[in-house]
Amino acid sequence: MLTHPDALPEGDRLQLKAVLANCPELKALAEHVRSFGHMVAHLQGDELPTWIEAATSTTDLPILRSFAQHLDRDLDAVTAGLTLPWNSGVVEGHVNRIKMLKRQMFGRAGFELLRKRVLLA
């Protein structure tokens, strides 16, 4: 369900179609997931309030409703993240690398050795 239907092999596409035909809740969930994925992939954050309204109105999908309600709590930040072309992915990668180095050296050395490893890595 998370893969775009055009990218699925023919056998998987037919199997997914059969599964969705037998379960209306799963079909509704797949439509919501695809529309959310389209928003994320094409930076269309202005459509988020409409998506949240549609997702919270589904009574048969409580998990999706809960997810949408949590997005609505910080709507401005989520809309900015789905609209603006900038992200902090590179910075987060460096932070994760530094945390990994710190965990590797836990209890073995002080700040000076950690500083050297970070600068030389």
C-alpha atoms as a PDB file:
ATOM      1  CA  MET A   1       0.000   0.000   0.000  1.00  0.00           C
ATOM      2  CA  LEU A   2       2.895   2.371   0.581  1.00  0.00           C
ATOM      3  CA  THR A   3       4.297   1.861  -2.915  1.00  0.00           C
ATOM      4  CA  HIS A   4       2.825   3.843  -5.776  1.00  0.00           C
ATOM      5  CA  PRO A   5       0.527   1.548  -7.791  1.00  0.00           C
ATOM      6  CA  ASP A   6       2.427   2.251 -11.006  1.00  0.00           C
ATOM      7  CA  ALA A   7       5.663   1.022  -9.397  1.00  0.00           C
ATOM      8  CA  LEU A   8       4.207  -2.344  -8.323  1.00  0.00           C
ATOM      9  CA  PRO A   9       4.779  -5.486 -10.373  1.00  0.00           C
ATOM     10  CA  GLU A  10       1.659  -6.722 -12.150  1.00  0.00           C
ATOM     11  CA  GLY A  11       1.152  -9.663  -9.778  1.00  0.00           C
ATOM     12  CA  ASP A  12       1.360  -7.467  -6.687  1.00  0.00           C
ATOM     13  CA  ARG A  13      -0.946  -4.901  -8.248  1.00  0.00           C
ATOM     14  CA  LEU A  14      -3.597  -7.538  -8.924  1.00  0.00           C
ATOM     15  CA  GLN A  15      -3.227  -8.981  -5.434  1.00  0.00           C
ATOM     16  CA  LEU A  16      -3.570  -5.544  -3.838  1.00  0.00           C
ATOM     17  CA  LYS A  17      -6.633  -4.817  -5.948  1.00  0.00           C
ATOM     18  CA  ALA A  18      -8.237  -8.081  -4.814  1.00  0.00           C
ATOM     19  CA  VAL A  19      -7.471  -7.408  -1.142  1.00  0.00           C
ATOM     20  CA  LEU A  20      -8.837  -3.870  -1.328  1.00  0.00           C
ATOM     21  CA  ALA A  21     -11.992  -5.099  -3.060  1.00  0.00           C
ATOM     22  CA  ASN A  22     -12.708  -7.454  -0.140  1.00  0.00           C
ATOM     23  CA  CYS A  23     -12.117  -4.959   2.683  1.00  0.00           C
ATOM     24  CA  PRO A  24     -13.773  -1.523   2.473  1.00  0.00           C
ATOM     25  CA  GLU A  25     -11.907  -0.219   5.548  1.00  0.00           C
ATOM     26  CA  LEU A  26      -8.568  -1.126   4.013  1.00  0.00           C
ATOM     27  CA  LYS A  27      -9.594   0.489   0.731  1.00  0.00           C
ATOM     28  CA  ALA A  28     -10.492   3.732   2.546  1.00  0.00           C
ATOM     29  CA  LEU A  29      -7.198   3.618   4.436  1.00  0.00           C
ATOM     30  CA  ALA A  30      -5.267   3.074   1.187  1.00  0.00           C
ATOM     31  CA  GLU A  31      -6.923   6.121  -0.375  1.00  0.00           C
ATOM     32  CA  HIS A  32      -6.027   8.291   2.625  1.00  0.00           C
ATOM     33  CA  VAL A  33      -2.440   7.000   2.665  1.00  0.00           C
ATOM     34  CA  ARG A  34      -2.008   7.654  -1.057  1.00  0.00           C
ATOM     35  CA  SER A  35      -3.412  11.174  -0.844  1.00  0.00           C
ATOM     36  CA  PHE A  36      -1.131  11.938   2.123  1.00  0.00           C
ATOM     37  CA  GLY A  37       1.849  10.500   0.240  1.00  0.00           C
ATOM     38  CA  HIS A  38       0.983  12.669  -2.752  1.00  0.00           C
ATOM     39  CA  MET A  39       0.964  15.753  -0.492  1.00  0.00           C
ATOM     40  CA  VAL A  40       4.363  14.846   0.931  1.00  0.00           C
ATOM     41  CA  ALA A  41       5.944  14.015  -2.428  1.00  0.00           C
ATOM     42  CA  HIS A  42       4.673  17.132  -4.194  1.00  0.00           C
ATOM     43  CA  LEU A  43       4.982  19.611  -1.276  1.00  0.00           C
ATOM     44  CA  GLN A  44       1.276  20.438  -1.214  1.00  0.00           C
ATOM     45  CA  GLY A  45       0.871  21.402   2.439  1.00  0.00           C
ATOM     46  CA  ASP A  46      -2.010  23.728   1.619  1.00  0.00           C
ATOM     47  CA  GLU A  47      -4.194  20.631   1.130  1.00  0.00           C
ATOM     48  CA  LEU A  48      -3.466  19.362   4.648  1.00  0.00           C
ATOM     49  CA  PRO A  49      -6.508  20.871   6.439  1.00  0.00           C
ATOM     50  CA  THR A  50      -8.809  19.234   3.897  1.00  0.00           C
ATOM     51  CA  TRP A  51      -7.030  15.902   4.339  1.00  0.00           C
ATOM     52  CA  ILE A  52      -7.215  16.165   8.143  1.00  0.00           C
ATOM     53  CA  GLU A  53     -10.938  16.922   7.963  1.00  0.00           C
ATOM     54  CA  ALA A  54     -11.535  13.896   5.720  1.00  0.00           C
ATOM     55  CA  ALA A  55      -9.374  11.637   7.909  1.00  0.00           C
ATOM     56  CA  THR A  56     -11.011  12.693  11.174  1.00  0.00           C
ATOM     57  CA  SER A  57     -14.485  12.165   9.761  1.00  0.00           C
ATOM     58  CA  THR A  58     -13.818   8.437   9.206  1.00  0.00           C
ATOM     59  CA  THR A  59     -15.391   6.629  12.124  1.00  0.00           C
ATOM     60  CA  ASP A  60     -14.258   3.164  11.050  1.00  0.00           C
ATOM     61  CA  LEU A  61     -10.520   4.032  11.127  1.00  0.00           C
ATOM     62  CA  PRO A  62      -9.672   5.181  14.693  1.00  0.00           C
ATOM     63  CA  ILE A  63      -5.891   4.987  14.161  1.00  0.00           C
ATOM     64  CA  LEU A  64      -6.060   7.253  11.123  1.00  0.00           C
ATOM     65  CA  ARG A  65      -8.360   9.643  12.986  1.00  0.00           C
ATOM     66  CA  SER A  66      -5.878   9.769  15.878  1.00  0.00           C
ATOM     67  CA  PHE A  67      -2.961  10.439  13.476  1.00  0.00           C
ATOM     68  CA  ALA A  68      -4.885  13.280  11.834  1.00  0.00           C
ATOM     69  CA  GLN A  69      -5.797  14.804  15.189  1.00  0.00           C
ATOM     70  CA  HIS A  70      -2.139  14.797  16.219  1.00  0.00           C
ATOM     71  CA  LEU A  71      -1.193  16.526  12.965  1.00  0.00           C
ATOM     72  CA  ASP A  72      -3.861  19.133  13.653  1.00  0.00           C
ATOM     73  CA  ARG A  73      -2.311  19.970  17.043  1.00  0.00           C
ATOM     74  CA  ASP A  74       0.723  21.508  15.337  1.00  0.00           C
ATOM     75  CA  LEU A  75      -0.837  22.410  12.009  1.00  0.00           C
ATOM     76  CA  ASP A  76       1.430  25.372  11.224  1.00  0.00           C
ATOM     77  CA  ALA A  77       4.647  23.362  11.602  1.00  0.00           C
ATOM     78  CA  VAL A  78       3.326  20.377   9.646  1.00  0.00           C
ATOM     79  CA  THR A  79       2.033  22.629   6.872  1.00  0.00           C
ATOM     80  CA  ALA A  80       5.409  24.357   6.667  1.00  0.00           C
ATOM     81  CA  GLY A  81       7.154  20.983   6.503  1.00  0.00           C
ATOM     82  CA  LEU A  82       4.881  19.866   3.677  1.00  0.00           C
ATOM     83  CA  THR A  83       5.145  23.149   1.775  1.00  0.00           C
ATOM     84  CA  LEU A  84       8.687  24.485   2.036  1.00  0.00           C
ATOM     85  CA  PRO A  85      11.517  22.896   0.032  1.00  0.00           C
ATOM     86  CA  TRP A  86      14.012  23.114   2.923  1.00  0.00           C
ATOM     87  CA  ASN A  87      14.637  20.445   5.522  1.00  0.00           C
ATOM     88  CA  SER A  88      17.119  19.656   8.269  1.00  0.00           C
ATOM     89  CA  GLY A  89      18.024  16.193   7.009  1.00  0.00           C
ATOM     90  CA  VAL A  90      21.747  16.915   6.637  1.00  0.00           C
ATOM     91  CA  VAL A  91      21.996  18.376  10.136  1.00  0.00           C
ATOM     92  CA  GLU A  92      20.106  15.414  11.599  1.00  0.00           C
ATOM     93  CA  GLY A  93      22.536  13.068   9.874  1.00  0.00           C
ATOM     94  CA  HIS A  94      25.499  14.782  11.516  1.00  0.00           C
ATOM     95  CA  VAL A  95      23.772  14.724  14.912  1.00  0.00           C
ATOM     96  CA  ASN A  96      23.130  10.976  14.577  1.00  0.00           C
ATOM     97  CA  ARG A  97      26.755  10.372  13.588  1.00  0.00           C
ATOM     98  CA  ILE A  98      28.033  12.308  16.622  1.00  0.00           C
ATOM     99  CA  LYS A  99      25.645  10.444  18.940  1.00  0.00           C
ATOM    100  CA  MET A 100      26.886   7.130  17.542  1.00  0.00           C
ATOM    101  CA  LEU A 101      30.507   8.136  18.216  1.00  0.00           C
ATOM    102  CA  LYS A 102      29.574   9.212  21.733  1.00  0.00           C
ATOM    103  CA  ARG A 103      27.837   5.891  22.433  1.00  0.00           C
ATOM    104  CA  GLN A 104      30.836   3.941  21.141  1.00  0.00           C
ATOM    105  CA  MET A 105      33.132   5.756  23.542  1.00  0.00           C
ATOM    106  CA  PHE A 106      30.837   5.740  26.581  1.00  0.00           C
ATOM    107  CA  GLY A 107      32.826   5.272  29.781  1.00  0.00           C
ATOM    108  CA  ARG A 108      36.152   4.980  27.966  1.00  0.00           C
ATOM    109  CA  ALA A 109      37.365   8.490  27.320  1.00  0.00           C
ATOM    110  CA  GLY A 110      36.681  12.111  28.036  1.00  0.00           C
ATOM    111  CA  PHE A 111      35.496  15.018  25.986  1.00  0.00           C
ATOM    112  CA  GLU A 112      38.867  15.702  24.357  1.00  0.00           C
ATOM    113  CA  LEU A 113      39.021  12.290  22.647  1.00  0.00           C
ATOM    114  CA  LEU A 114      35.397  12.594  21.564  1.00  0.00           C
ATOM    115  CA  ARG A 115      36.170  16.029  20.116  1.00  0.00           C
ATOM    116  CA  LYS A 116      39.124  14.644  18.140  1.00  0.00           C
ATOM    117  CA  ARG A 117      37.049  11.739  16.775  1.00  0.00           C
ATOM    118  CA  VAL A 118      34.271  14.087  15.692  1.00  0.00           C
ATOM    119  CA  LEU A 119      36.676  16.494  13.986  1.00  0.00           C
ATOM    120  CA  LEU A 120      38.648  13.730  12.257  1.00  0.00           C
ATOM    121  CA  ALA A 121      35.693  11.589  11.218  1.00  0.00           C
END
